[in-house]
Full PDB file with SEQRES, HELIX, SHEET, SSBOND, CRYST1, ORIGX, SCALE, CONECT and MASTER records, all heavy atoms in Angstrom:
SEQRES   1 A   44  GLY LYS GLU ILE GLY LEU PRO GLU SER GLU LEU LYS GLU          
SEQRES   2 A   44  LEU VAL ASN SER GLN ALA PHE ALA PRO ASP VAL LYS ARG          
SEQRES   3 A   44  ASP ILE GLN GLU ALA SER ALA LEU GLY ILE ASN GLY VAL          
SEQRES   4 A   44  PRO PHE PHE VAL PHE                                          
HELIX    1 AA1 GLU A    8  VAL A   15  1                                   8    
HELIX    2 AA2 ALA A   21  ALA A   33  1                                  13    
CRYST1    1.000    1.000    1.000  90.00  90.00  90.00 P 1           1          
ORIGX1      1.000000  0.000000  0.000000        0.00000                         
ORIGX2      0.000000  1.000000  0.000000        0.00000                         
ORIGX3      0.000000  0.000000  1.000000        0.00000                         
SCALE1      1.000000  0.000000  0.000000        0.00000                         
SCALE2      0.000000  1.000000  0.000000        0.00000                         
SCALE3      0.000000  0.000000  1.000000        0.00000                         
ATOM      1  N   GLY A   1     174.454 -33.505  44.554  1.00  0.00           N  
ATOM      2  CA  GLY A   1     173.379 -34.489  44.527  1.00  0.00           C  
ATOM      3  C   GLY A   1     172.458 -34.255  43.280  1.00  0.00           C  
ATOM      4  O   GLY A   1     172.067 -35.190  42.577  1.00  0.00           O  
ATOM      5  N   LYS A   2     172.146 -32.982  43.067  1.00  0.00           N  
ATOM      6  CA  LYS A   2     171.237 -32.674  41.916  1.00  0.00           C  
ATOM      7  C   LYS A   2     172.024 -32.946  40.587  1.00  0.00           C  
ATOM      8  O   LYS A   2     171.383 -33.439  39.642  1.00  0.00           O  
ATOM      9  CB  LYS A   2     170.874 -31.172  41.983  1.00  0.00           C  
ATOM     10  CG  LYS A   2     169.864 -30.882  43.068  1.00  0.00           C  
ATOM     11  CD  LYS A   2     169.616 -29.381  43.233  1.00  0.00           C  
ATOM     12  CE  LYS A   2     168.978 -28.715  42.030  1.00  0.00           C  
ATOM     13  NZ  LYS A   2     168.740 -27.275  42.279  1.00  0.00           N  
ATOM     14  N   GLU A   3     173.306 -32.723  40.569  1.00  0.00           N  
ATOM     15  CA  GLU A   3     174.084 -33.018  39.328  1.00  0.00           C  
ATOM     16  C   GLU A   3     174.029 -34.434  38.947  1.00  0.00           C  
ATOM     17  O   GLU A   3     173.906 -34.769  37.770  1.00  0.00           O  
ATOM     18  CB  GLU A   3     175.594 -32.626  39.580  1.00  0.00           C  
ATOM     19  CG  GLU A   3     175.916 -31.205  39.361  1.00  0.00           C  
ATOM     20  CD  GLU A   3     177.411 -30.977  39.413  1.00  0.00           C  
ATOM     21  OE1 GLU A   3     178.124 -31.781  38.806  1.00  0.00           O  
ATOM     22  OE2 GLU A   3     177.854 -30.025  40.074  1.00  0.00           O  
ATOM     23  N   ILE A   4     174.026 -35.380  39.924  1.00  0.00           N  
ATOM     24  CA  ILE A   4     173.986 -36.813  39.543  1.00  0.00           C  
ATOM     25  C   ILE A   4     172.559 -37.365  39.461  1.00  0.00           C  
ATOM     26  O   ILE A   4     172.451 -38.562  39.202  1.00  0.00           O  
ATOM     27  CB  ILE A   4     174.818 -37.630  40.618  1.00  0.00           C  
ATOM     28  CG1 ILE A   4     174.193 -37.580  42.000  1.00  0.00           C  
ATOM     29  CG2 ILE A   4     176.291 -37.102  40.600  1.00  0.00           C  
ATOM     30  CD1 ILE A   4     174.917 -38.557  42.951  1.00  0.00           C  
ATOM     31  N   GLY A   5     171.578 -36.488  39.668  1.00  0.00           N  
ATOM     32  CA  GLY A   5     170.222 -36.956  39.441  1.00  0.00           C  
ATOM     33  C   GLY A   5     169.352 -37.316  40.629  1.00  0.00           C  
ATOM     34  O   GLY A   5     168.361 -38.002  40.519  1.00  0.00           O  
ATOM     35  N   LEU A   6     169.830 -36.894  41.851  1.00  0.00           N  
ATOM     36  CA  LEU A   6     169.066 -37.176  43.052  1.00  0.00           C  
ATOM     37  C   LEU A   6     167.926 -36.202  43.229  1.00  0.00           C  
ATOM     38  O   LEU A   6     168.111 -34.940  42.862  1.00  0.00           O  
ATOM     39  CB  LEU A   6     169.932 -37.194  44.221  1.00  0.00           C  
ATOM     40  CG  LEU A   6     170.984 -38.287  44.363  1.00  0.00           C  
ATOM     41  CD1 LEU A   6     171.907 -38.129  45.497  1.00  0.00           C  
ATOM     42  CD2 LEU A   6     170.327 -39.683  44.433  1.00  0.00           C  
ATOM     43  N   PRO A   7     166.808 -36.606  43.744  1.00  0.00           N  
ATOM     44  CA  PRO A   7     165.638 -35.614  43.993  1.00  0.00           C  
ATOM     45  C   PRO A   7     166.012 -34.491  44.916  1.00  0.00           C  
ATOM     46  O   PRO A   7     166.523 -34.779  46.002  1.00  0.00           O  
ATOM     47  CB  PRO A   7     164.548 -36.529  44.513  1.00  0.00           C  
ATOM     48  CG  PRO A   7     164.929 -37.922  44.130  1.00  0.00           C  
ATOM     49  CD  PRO A   7     166.475 -37.944  44.139  1.00  0.00           C  
ATOM     50  N   GLU A   8     165.676 -33.300  44.573  1.00  0.00           N  
ATOM     51  CA  GLU A   8     166.050 -32.168  45.357  1.00  0.00           C  
ATOM     52  C   GLU A   8     165.399 -32.258  46.728  1.00  0.00           C  
ATOM     53  O   GLU A   8     165.947 -31.858  47.756  1.00  0.00           O  
ATOM     54  CB  GLU A   8     165.633 -30.820  44.702  1.00  0.00           C  
ATOM     55  CG  GLU A   8     166.095 -29.589  45.431  1.00  0.00           C  
ATOM     56  CD  GLU A   8     165.823 -28.270  44.659  1.00  0.00           C  
ATOM     57  OE1 GLU A   8     165.303 -28.417  43.543  1.00  0.00           O  
ATOM     58  OE2 GLU A   8     166.231 -27.224  45.177  1.00  0.00           O  
ATOM     59  N   SER A   9     164.121 -32.754  46.803  1.00  0.00           N  
ATOM     60  CA  SER A   9     163.363 -32.854  48.063  1.00  0.00           C  
ATOM     61  C   SER A   9     164.108 -33.737  49.005  1.00  0.00           C  
ATOM     62  O   SER A   9     164.225 -33.451  50.222  1.00  0.00           O  
ATOM     63  CB  SER A   9     161.935 -33.337  47.866  1.00  0.00           C  
ATOM     64  OG  SER A   9     161.993 -34.643  47.168  1.00  0.00           O  
ATOM     65  N   GLU A  10     164.675 -34.831  48.532  1.00  0.00           N  
ATOM     66  CA  GLU A  10     165.403 -35.791  49.385  1.00  0.00           C  
ATOM     67  C   GLU A  10     166.701 -35.232  49.812  1.00  0.00           C  
ATOM     68  O   GLU A  10     167.203 -35.499  50.918  1.00  0.00           O  
ATOM     69  CB  GLU A  10     165.552 -37.130  48.662  1.00  0.00           C  
ATOM     70  CG  GLU A  10     164.259 -37.862  48.481  1.00  0.00           C  
ATOM     71  CD  GLU A  10     164.434 -39.268  47.890  1.00  0.00           C  
ATOM     72  OE1 GLU A  10     165.480 -39.899  48.241  1.00  0.00           O  
ATOM     73  OE2 GLU A  10     163.703 -39.685  47.021  1.00  0.00           O  
ATOM     74  N   LEU A  11     167.374 -34.419  48.940  1.00  0.00           N  
ATOM     75  CA  LEU A  11     168.639 -33.784  49.253  1.00  0.00           C  
ATOM     76  C   LEU A  11     168.444 -32.777  50.409  1.00  0.00           C  
ATOM     77  O   LEU A  11     169.304 -32.691  51.324  1.00  0.00           O  
ATOM     78  CB  LEU A  11     169.171 -33.143  48.056  1.00  0.00           C  
ATOM     79  CG  LEU A  11     169.778 -34.142  46.970  1.00  0.00           C  
ATOM     80  CD1 LEU A  11     169.975 -33.374  45.667  1.00  0.00           C  
ATOM     81  CD2 LEU A  11     171.032 -34.756  47.453  1.00  0.00           C  
ATOM     82  N   LYS A  12     167.410 -32.005  50.284  1.00  0.00           N  
ATOM     83  CA  LYS A  12     167.131 -31.002  51.316  1.00  0.00           C  
ATOM     84  C   LYS A  12     166.838 -31.663  52.618  1.00  0.00           C  
ATOM     85  O   LYS A  12     167.229 -31.211  53.711  1.00  0.00           O  
ATOM     86  CB  LYS A  12     166.011 -30.075  50.876  1.00  0.00           C  
ATOM     87  CG  LYS A  12     166.418 -29.145  49.759  1.00  0.00           C  
ATOM     88  CD  LYS A  12     165.327 -28.152  49.377  1.00  0.00           C  
ATOM     89  CE  LYS A  12     165.791 -27.163  48.357  1.00  0.00           C  
ATOM     90  NZ  LYS A  12     164.725 -26.205  47.920  1.00  0.00           N  
ATOM     91  N   GLU A  13     166.100 -32.722  52.611  1.00  0.00           N  
ATOM     92  CA  GLU A  13     165.810 -33.547  53.808  1.00  0.00           C  
ATOM     93  C   GLU A  13     167.104 -34.053  54.356  1.00  0.00           C  
ATOM     94  O   GLU A  13     167.287 -34.035  55.642  1.00  0.00           O  
ATOM     95  CB  GLU A  13     164.856 -34.660  53.477  1.00  0.00           C  
ATOM     96  CG  GLU A  13     164.512 -35.477  54.720  1.00  0.00           C  
ATOM     97  CD  GLU A  13     163.517 -36.636  54.466  1.00  0.00           C  
ATOM     98  OE1 GLU A  13     163.085 -36.713  53.290  1.00  0.00           O  
ATOM     99  OE2 GLU A  13     163.361 -37.478  55.304  1.00  0.00           O  
ATOM    100  N   LEU A  14     168.009 -34.494  53.482  1.00  0.00           N  
ATOM    101  CA  LEU A  14     169.246 -35.038  53.977  1.00  0.00           C  
ATOM    102  C   LEU A  14     170.076 -34.057  54.768  1.00  0.00           C  
ATOM    103  O   LEU A  14     170.561 -34.320  55.884  1.00  0.00           O  
ATOM    104  CB  LEU A  14     170.106 -35.540  52.787  1.00  0.00           C  
ATOM    105  CG  LEU A  14     171.418 -36.139  53.062  1.00  0.00           C  
ATOM    106  CD1 LEU A  14     171.366 -37.582  53.489  1.00  0.00           C  
ATOM    107  CD2 LEU A  14     172.354 -36.054  51.834  1.00  0.00           C  
ATOM    108  N   VAL A  15     170.214 -32.852  54.184  1.00  0.00           N  
ATOM    109  CA  VAL A  15     171.128 -31.852  54.852  1.00  0.00           C  
ATOM    110  C   VAL A  15     170.481 -31.204  56.053  1.00  0.00           C  
ATOM    111  O   VAL A  15     171.159 -30.567  56.833  1.00  0.00           O  
ATOM    112  CB  VAL A  15     171.584 -30.804  53.802  1.00  0.00           C  
ATOM    113  CG1 VAL A  15     172.371 -31.392  52.729  1.00  0.00           C  
ATOM    114  CG2 VAL A  15     170.405 -29.993  53.235  1.00  0.00           C  
ATOM    115  N   ASN A  16     169.226 -31.363  56.209  1.00  0.00           N  
ATOM    116  CA  ASN A  16     168.541 -30.785  57.376  1.00  0.00           C  
ATOM    117  C   ASN A  16     168.201 -31.851  58.393  1.00  0.00           C  
ATOM    118  O   ASN A  16     167.321 -31.630  59.323  1.00  0.00           O  
ATOM    119  CB  ASN A  16     167.220 -30.096  56.964  1.00  0.00           C  
ATOM    120  CG  ASN A  16     167.506 -28.778  56.189  1.00  0.00           C  
ATOM    121  OD1 ASN A  16     168.228 -27.938  56.654  1.00  0.00           O  
ATOM    122  ND2 ASN A  16     166.886 -28.689  54.970  1.00  0.00           N  
ATOM    123  N   SER A  17     168.804 -32.974  58.348  1.00  0.00           N  
ATOM    124  CA  SER A  17     168.567 -34.084  59.283  1.00  0.00           C  
ATOM    125  C   SER A  17     169.798 -34.876  59.414  1.00  0.00           C  
ATOM    126  O   SER A  17     170.886 -34.557  58.877  1.00  0.00           O  
ATOM    127  CB  SER A  17     167.407 -34.953  58.796  1.00  0.00           C  
ATOM    128  OG  SER A  17     167.837 -35.677  57.651  1.00  0.00           O  
ATOM    129  N   GLN A  18     169.688 -35.979  60.069  1.00  0.00           N  
ATOM    130  CA  GLN A  18     170.802 -36.983  60.211  1.00  0.00           C  
ATOM    131  C   GLN A  18     170.414 -38.238  59.469  1.00  0.00           C  
ATOM    132  O   GLN A  18     170.901 -39.389  59.832  1.00  0.00           O  
ATOM    133  CB  GLN A  18     171.121 -37.271  61.683  1.00  0.00           C  
ATOM    134  CG  GLN A  18     171.967 -36.235  62.344  1.00  0.00           C  
ATOM    135  CD  GLN A  18     173.297 -36.035  61.644  1.00  0.00           C  
ATOM    136  OE1 GLN A  18     174.090 -36.995  61.555  1.00  0.00           O  
ATOM    137  NE2 GLN A  18     173.582 -34.868  61.188  1.00  0.00           N  
ATOM    138  N   ALA A  19     169.658 -38.109  58.404  1.00  0.00           N  
ATOM    139  CA  ALA A  19     169.232 -39.268  57.599  1.00  0.00           C  
ATOM    140  C   ALA A  19     170.471 -40.000  57.088  1.00  0.00           C  
ATOM    141  O   ALA A  19     171.431 -39.372  56.687  1.00  0.00           O  
ATOM    142  CB  ALA A  19     168.382 -38.820  56.395  1.00  0.00           C  
ATOM    143  N   PHE A  20     170.397 -41.333  57.128  1.00  0.00           N  
ATOM    144  CA  PHE A  20     171.413 -42.234  56.590  1.00  0.00           C  
ATOM    145  C   PHE A  20     172.659 -42.251  57.513  1.00  0.00           C  
ATOM    146  O   PHE A  20     173.633 -42.945  57.185  1.00  0.00           O  
ATOM    147  CB  PHE A  20     171.845 -41.935  55.206  1.00  0.00           C  
ATOM    148  CG  PHE A  20     170.705 -42.126  54.191  1.00  0.00           C  
ATOM    149  CD1 PHE A  20     169.931 -41.070  53.822  1.00  0.00           C  
ATOM    150  CD2 PHE A  20     170.405 -43.435  53.716  1.00  0.00           C  
ATOM    151  CE1 PHE A  20     168.907 -41.258  52.867  1.00  0.00           C  
ATOM    152  CE2 PHE A  20     169.379 -43.581  52.853  1.00  0.00           C  
ATOM    153  CZ  PHE A  20     168.585 -42.536  52.373  1.00  0.00           C  
ATOM    154  N   ALA A  21     172.612 -41.525  58.614  1.00  0.00           N  
ATOM    155  CA  ALA A  21     173.778 -41.626  59.559  1.00  0.00           C  
ATOM    156  C   ALA A  21     174.014 -43.057  60.094  1.00  0.00           C  
ATOM    157  O   ALA A  21     175.093 -43.521  60.153  1.00  0.00           O  
ATOM    158  CB  ALA A  21     173.578 -40.654  60.750  1.00  0.00           C  
ATOM    159  N   PRO A  22     172.868 -43.777  60.417  1.00  0.00           N  
ATOM    160  CA  PRO A  22     173.053 -45.170  60.850  1.00  0.00           C  
ATOM    161  C   PRO A  22     173.707 -46.041  59.793  1.00  0.00           C  
ATOM    162  O   PRO A  22     174.504 -46.949  60.059  1.00  0.00           O  
ATOM    163  CB  PRO A  22     171.645 -45.646  61.196  1.00  0.00           C  
ATOM    164  CG  PRO A  22     170.905 -44.393  61.470  1.00  0.00           C  
ATOM    165  CD  PRO A  22     171.468 -43.362  60.549  1.00  0.00           C  
ATOM    166  N   ASP A  23     173.413 -45.761  58.495  1.00  0.00           N  
ATOM    167  CA  ASP A  23     174.009 -46.595  57.421  1.00  0.00           C  
ATOM    168  C   ASP A  23     175.513 -46.374  57.301  1.00  0.00           C  
ATOM    169  O   ASP A  23     176.234 -47.312  57.129  1.00  0.00           O  
ATOM    170  CB  ASP A  23     173.338 -46.196  56.096  1.00  0.00           C  
ATOM    171  CG  ASP A  23     171.811 -46.367  56.097  1.00  0.00           C  
ATOM    172  OD1 ASP A  23     171.136 -45.493  56.600  1.00  0.00           O  
ATOM    173  OD2 ASP A  23     171.394 -47.436  55.681  1.00  0.00           O  
ATOM    174  N   VAL A  24     175.930 -45.070  57.494  1.00  0.00           N  
ATOM    175  CA  VAL A  24     177.354 -44.779  57.465  1.00  0.00           C  
ATOM    176  C   VAL A  24     178.068 -45.454  58.667  1.00  0.00           C  
ATOM    177  O   VAL A  24     179.093 -46.145  58.454  1.00  0.00           O  
ATOM    178  CB  VAL A  24     177.604 -43.272  57.562  1.00  0.00           C  
ATOM    179  CG1 VAL A  24     179.074 -42.953  57.640  1.00  0.00           C  
ATOM    180  CG2 VAL A  24     176.966 -42.524  56.367  1.00  0.00           C  
ATOM    181  N   LYS A  25     177.499 -45.397  59.825  1.00  0.00           N  
ATOM    182  CA  LYS A  25     178.075 -45.996  61.011  1.00  0.00           C  
ATOM    183  C   LYS A  25     178.114 -47.502  60.837  1.00  0.00           C  
ATOM    184  O   LYS A  25     179.089 -48.193  61.275  1.00  0.00           O  
ATOM    185  CB  LYS A  25     177.311 -45.581  62.228  1.00  0.00           C  
ATOM    186  CG  LYS A  25     177.383 -44.118  62.566  1.00  0.00           C  
ATOM    187  CD  LYS A  25     176.468 -43.750  63.759  1.00  0.00           C  
ATOM    188  CE  LYS A  25     176.643 -42.259  64.103  1.00  0.00           C  
ATOM    189  NZ  LYS A  25     175.702 -41.899  65.209  1.00  0.00           N  
ATOM    190  N   ARG A  26     177.090 -48.077  60.228  1.00  0.00           N  
ATOM    191  CA  ARG A  26     177.043 -49.521  60.067  1.00  0.00           C  
ATOM    192  C   ARG A  26     178.213 -50.022  59.139  1.00  0.00           C  
ATOM    193  O   ARG A  26     178.836 -51.001  59.359  1.00  0.00           O  
ATOM    194  CB  ARG A  26     175.688 -49.951  59.463  1.00  0.00           C  
ATOM    195  CG  ARG A  26     175.447 -51.476  59.400  1.00  0.00           C  
ATOM    196  CD  ARG A  26     174.056 -51.751  58.887  1.00  0.00           C  
ATOM    197  NE  ARG A  26     172.995 -51.079  59.599  1.00  0.00           N  
ATOM    198  CZ  ARG A  26     172.214 -50.126  59.003  1.00  0.00           C  
ATOM    199  NH1 ARG A  26     172.379 -49.770  57.774  1.00  0.00           N  
ATOM    200  NH2 ARG A  26     171.268 -49.568  59.771  1.00  0.00           N  
ATOM    201  N   ASP A  27     178.411 -49.233  58.071  1.00  0.00           N  
ATOM    202  CA  ASP A  27     179.504 -49.533  57.183  1.00  0.00           C  
ATOM    203  C   ASP A  27     180.866 -49.548  57.851  1.00  0.00           C  
ATOM    204  O   ASP A  27     181.681 -50.400  57.675  1.00  0.00           O  
ATOM    205  CB  ASP A  27     179.525 -48.591  55.959  1.00  0.00           C  
ATOM    206  CG  ASP A  27     178.565 -48.967  54.913  1.00  0.00           C  
ATOM    207  OD1 ASP A  27     177.912 -49.965  54.962  1.00  0.00           O  
ATOM    208  OD2 ASP A  27     178.547 -48.184  53.840  1.00  0.00           O  
ATOM    209  N   ILE A  28     181.068 -48.515  58.663  1.00  0.00           N  
ATOM    210  CA  ILE A  28     182.338 -48.332  59.436  1.00  0.00           C  
ATOM    211  C   ILE A  28     182.463 -49.481  60.420  1.00  0.00           C  
ATOM    212  O   ILE A  28     183.596 -50.008  60.527  1.00  0.00           O  
ATOM    213  CB  ILE A  28     182.351 -46.992  60.146  1.00  0.00           C  
ATOM    214  CG1 ILE A  28     182.371 -45.836  59.007  1.00  0.00           C  
ATOM    215  CG2 ILE A  28     183.537 -46.858  61.036  1.00  0.00           C  
ATOM    216  CD1 ILE A  28     182.248 -44.465  59.589  1.00  0.00           C  
ATOM    217  N   GLN A  29     181.436 -49.837  61.137  1.00  0.00           N  
ATOM    218  CA  GLN A  29     181.471 -50.949  62.118  1.00  0.00           C  
ATOM    219  C   GLN A  29     181.772 -52.249  61.353  1.00  0.00           C  
ATOM    220  O   GLN A  29     182.571 -53.113  61.826  1.00  0.00           O  
ATOM    221  CB  GLN A  29     180.168 -51.050  62.862  1.00  0.00           C  
ATOM    222  CG  GLN A  29     179.981 -49.871  63.819  1.00  0.00           C  
ATOM    223  CD  GLN A  29     178.573 -49.807  64.363  1.00  0.00           C  
ATOM    224  OE1 GLN A  29     177.688 -50.524  63.947  1.00  0.00           O  
ATOM    225  NE2 GLN A  29     178.327 -48.827  65.236  1.00  0.00           N  
ATOM    226  N   GLU A  30     181.208 -52.472  60.169  1.00  0.00           N  
ATOM    227  CA  GLU A  30     181.421 -53.638  59.429  1.00  0.00           C  
ATOM    228  C   GLU A  30     182.827 -53.749  58.937  1.00  0.00           C  
ATOM    229  O   GLU A  30     183.492 -54.835  58.929  1.00  0.00           O  
ATOM    230  CB  GLU A  30     180.417 -53.731  58.212  1.00  0.00           C  
ATOM    231  CG  GLU A  30     180.417 -55.079  57.578  1.00  0.00           C  
ATOM    232  CD  GLU A  30     179.336 -55.260  56.579  1.00  0.00           C  
ATOM    233  OE1 GLU A  30     178.684 -54.254  56.189  1.00  0.00           O  
ATOM    234  OE2 GLU A  30     179.078 -56.442  56.126  1.00  0.00           O  
ATOM    235  N   ALA A  31     183.385 -52.644  58.560  1.00  0.00           N  
ATOM    236  CA  ALA A  31     184.786 -52.589  58.163  1.00  0.00           C  
ATOM    237  C   ALA A  31     185.715 -53.102  59.306  1.00  0.00           C  
ATOM    238  O   ALA A  31     186.642 -53.886  59.105  1.00  0.00           O  
ATOM    239  CB  ALA A  31     185.229 -51.192  57.702  1.00  0.00           C  
ATOM    240  N   SER A  32     185.410 -52.581  60.512  1.00  0.00           N  
ATOM    241  CA  SER A  32     186.147 -52.965  61.650  1.00  0.00           C  
ATOM    242  C   SER A  32     186.008 -54.491  61.938  1.00  0.00           C  
ATOM    243  O   SER A  32     187.014 -55.142  62.236  1.00  0.00           O  
ATOM    244  CB  SER A  32     185.693 -52.196  62.872  1.00  0.00           C  
ATOM    245  OG  SER A  32     186.378 -52.546  64.024  1.00  0.00           O  
ATOM    246  N   ALA A  33     184.815 -55.014  61.749  1.00  0.00           N  
ATOM    247  CA  ALA A  33     184.577 -56.450  62.033  1.00  0.00           C  
ATOM    248  C   ALA A  33     185.318 -57.330  60.979  1.00  0.00           C  
ATOM    249  O   ALA A  33     185.732 -58.454  61.313  1.00  0.00           O  
ATOM    250  CB  ALA A  33     183.059 -56.713  61.920  1.00  0.00           C  
ATOM    251  N   LEU A  34     185.472 -56.782  59.778  1.00  0.00           N  
ATOM    252  CA  LEU A  34     186.235 -57.507  58.720  1.00  0.00           C  
ATOM    253  C   LEU A  34     187.744 -57.337  58.818  1.00  0.00           C  
ATOM    254  O   LEU A  34     188.487 -57.875  58.069  1.00  0.00           O  
ATOM    255  CB  LEU A  34     185.723 -57.066  57.366  1.00  0.00           C  
ATOM    256  CG  LEU A  34     184.310 -57.456  56.937  1.00  0.00           C  
ATOM    257  CD1 LEU A  34     183.885 -56.772  55.696  1.00  0.00           C  
ATOM    258  CD2 LEU A  34     184.237 -58.948  56.785  1.00  0.00           C  
ATOM    259  N   GLY A  35     188.192 -56.480  59.765  1.00  0.00           N  
ATOM    260  CA  GLY A  35     189.594 -56.242  59.911  1.00  0.00           C  
ATOM    261  C   GLY A  35     190.145 -55.199  58.926  1.00  0.00           C  
ATOM    262  O   GLY A  35     191.395 -55.108  58.720  1.00  0.00           O  
ATOM    263  N   ILE A  36     189.271 -54.367  58.396  1.00  0.00           N  
ATOM    264  CA  ILE A  36     189.699 -53.329  57.500  1.00  0.00           C  
ATOM    265  C   ILE A  36     190.189 -52.101  58.249  1.00  0.00           C  
ATOM    266  O   ILE A  36     189.361 -51.491  58.947  1.00  0.00           O  
ATOM    267  CB  ILE A  36     188.533 -52.914  56.512  1.00  0.00           C  
ATOM    268  CG1 ILE A  36     188.141 -54.156  55.701  1.00  0.00           C  
ATOM    269  CG2 ILE A  36     188.969 -51.796  55.636  1.00  0.00           C  
ATOM    270  CD1 ILE A  36     186.911 -53.979  54.860  1.00  0.00           C  
ATOM    271  N   ASN A  37     191.414 -51.743  58.150  1.00  0.00           N  
ATOM    272  CA  ASN A  37     191.873 -50.566  58.893  1.00  0.00           C  
ATOM    273  C   ASN A  37     192.507 -49.533  57.939  1.00  0.00           C  
ATOM    274  O   ASN A  37     193.182 -48.600  58.428  1.00  0.00           O  
ATOM    275  CB  ASN A  37     192.920 -51.011  59.988  1.00  0.00           C  
ATOM    276  CG  ASN A  37     193.992 -51.892  59.437  1.00  0.00           C  
ATOM    277  OD1 ASN A  37     194.362 -51.758  58.249  1.00  0.00           O  
ATOM    278  ND2 ASN A  37     194.529 -52.720  60.253  1.00  0.00           N  
ATOM    279  N   GLY A  38     192.318 -49.685  56.634  1.00  0.00           N  
ATOM    280  CA  GLY A  38     192.808 -48.750  55.708  1.00  0.00           C  
ATOM    281  C   GLY A  38     192.038 -48.878  54.411  1.00  0.00           C  
ATOM    282  O   GLY A  38     191.484 -49.950  54.128  1.00  0.00           O  
ATOM    283  N   VAL A  39     191.957 -47.835  53.639  1.00  0.00           N  
ATOM    284  CA  VAL A  39     191.246 -47.816  52.386  1.00  0.00           C  
ATOM    285  C   VAL A  39     192.098 -47.271  51.241  1.00  0.00           C  
ATOM    286  O   VAL A  39     192.986 -46.507  51.495  1.00  0.00           O  
ATOM    287  CB  VAL A  39     189.894 -47.039  52.521  1.00  0.00           C  
ATOM    288  CG1 VAL A  39     188.905 -47.749  53.356  1.00  0.00           C  
ATOM    289  CG2 VAL A  39     190.152 -45.602  53.056  1.00  0.00           C  
ATOM    290  N   PRO A  40     191.796 -47.673  49.966  1.00  0.00           N  
ATOM    291  CA  PRO A  40     190.634 -48.470  49.610  1.00  0.00           C  
ATOM    292  C   PRO A  40     190.811 -49.916  49.946  1.00  0.00           C  
ATOM    293  O   PRO A  40     191.908 -50.442  50.022  1.00  0.00           O  
ATOM    294  CB  PRO A  40     190.606 -48.290  48.059  1.00  0.00           C  
ATOM    295  CG  PRO A  40     192.039 -48.113  47.705  1.00  0.00           C  
ATOM    296  CD  PRO A  40     192.616 -47.266  48.782  1.00  0.00           C  
ATOM    297  N   PHE A  41     189.685 -50.598  50.151  1.00  0.00           N  
ATOM    298  CA  PHE A  41     189.693 -52.050  50.438  1.00  0.00           C  
ATOM    299  C   PHE A  41     188.536 -52.720  49.634  1.00  0.00           C  
ATOM    300  O   PHE A  41     187.414 -52.261  49.699  1.00  0.00           O  
ATOM    301  CB  PHE A  41     189.485 -52.306  51.921  1.00  0.00           C  
ATOM    302  CG  PHE A  41     189.916 -53.714  52.322  1.00  0.00           C  
ATOM    303  CD1 PHE A  41     191.177 -53.913  52.877  1.00  0.00           C  
ATOM    304  CD2 PHE A  41     189.087 -54.782  52.149  1.00  0.00           C  
ATOM    305  CE1 PHE A  41     191.604 -55.181  53.187  1.00  0.00           C  
ATOM    306  CE2 PHE A  41     189.499 -56.059  52.485  1.00  0.00           C  
ATOM    307  CZ  PHE A  41     190.724 -56.290  53.052  1.00  0.00           C  
ATOM    308  N   PHE A  42     188.890 -53.648  48.819  1.00  0.00           N  
ATOM    309  CA  PHE A  42     187.926 -54.357  47.930  1.00  0.00           C  
ATOM    310  C   PHE A  42     187.678 -55.757  48.403  1.00  0.00           C  
ATOM    311  O   PHE A  42     188.634 -56.503  48.690  1.00  0.00           O  
ATOM    312  CB  PHE A  42     188.533 -54.403  46.539  1.00  0.00           C  
ATOM    313  CG  PHE A  42     188.891 -53.050  45.926  1.00  0.00           C  
ATOM    314  CD1 PHE A  42     189.989 -52.340  46.292  1.00  0.00           C  
ATOM    315  CD2 PHE A  42     188.119 -52.485  44.886  1.00  0.00           C  
ATOM    316  CE1 PHE A  42     190.301 -51.140  45.750  1.00  0.00           C  
ATOM    317  CE2 PHE A  42     188.368 -51.264  44.339  1.00  0.00           C  
ATOM    318  CZ  PHE A  42     189.510 -50.609  44.766  1.00  0.00           C  
ATOM    319  N   VAL A  43     186.387 -56.119  48.575  1.00  0.00           N  
ATOM    320  CA  VAL A  43     186.001 -57.423  49.013  1.00  0.00           C  
ATOM    321  C   VAL A  43     185.212 -58.110  47.901  1.00  0.00           C  
ATOM    322  O   VAL A  43     184.158 -57.611  47.410  1.00  0.00           O  
ATOM    323  CB  VAL A  43     185.183 -57.359  50.303  1.00  0.00           C  
ATOM    324  CG1 VAL A  43     184.708 -58.751  50.712  1.00  0.00           C  
ATOM    325  CG2 VAL A  43     186.012 -56.691  51.408  1.00  0.00           C  
ATOM    326  N   PHE A  44     185.686 -59.236  47.430  1.00  0.00           N  
ATOM    327  CA  PHE A  44     185.066 -59.935  46.337  1.00  0.00           C  
ATOM    328  C   PHE A  44     184.286 -61.159  46.878  1.00  0.00           C  
ATOM    329  O   PHE A  44     184.908 -62.134  47.404  1.00  0.00           O  
ATOM    330  CB  PHE A  44     186.169 -60.460  45.396  1.00  0.00           C  
ATOM    331  CG  PHE A  44     186.933 -59.397  44.713  1.00  0.00           C  
ATOM    332  CD1 PHE A  44     187.953 -58.634  45.410  1.00  0.00           C  
ATOM    333  CD2 PHE A  44     186.729 -59.082  43.346  1.00  0.00           C  
ATOM    334  CE1 PHE A  44     188.619 -57.654  44.793  1.00  0.00           C  
ATOM    335  CE2 PHE A  44     187.512 -58.071  42.729  1.00  0.00           C  
ATOM    336  CZ  PHE A  44     188.386 -57.334  43.451  1.00  0.00           C  
TER     337      PHE A  44                                                      
MASTER        0    0    0    2    0    0    0    6  336    1    0    4          
END                                                                             
């Protein structure tokens, strides 16, 4: 994260919590709703 320019404070908060877990789950659920069962999958 530091290599690509993310703030160290936010990175430390990330690894010491479950921050953004709902976002990951939302993406996975949306994939299922769209019928995506394999990756990569591109939607235009």
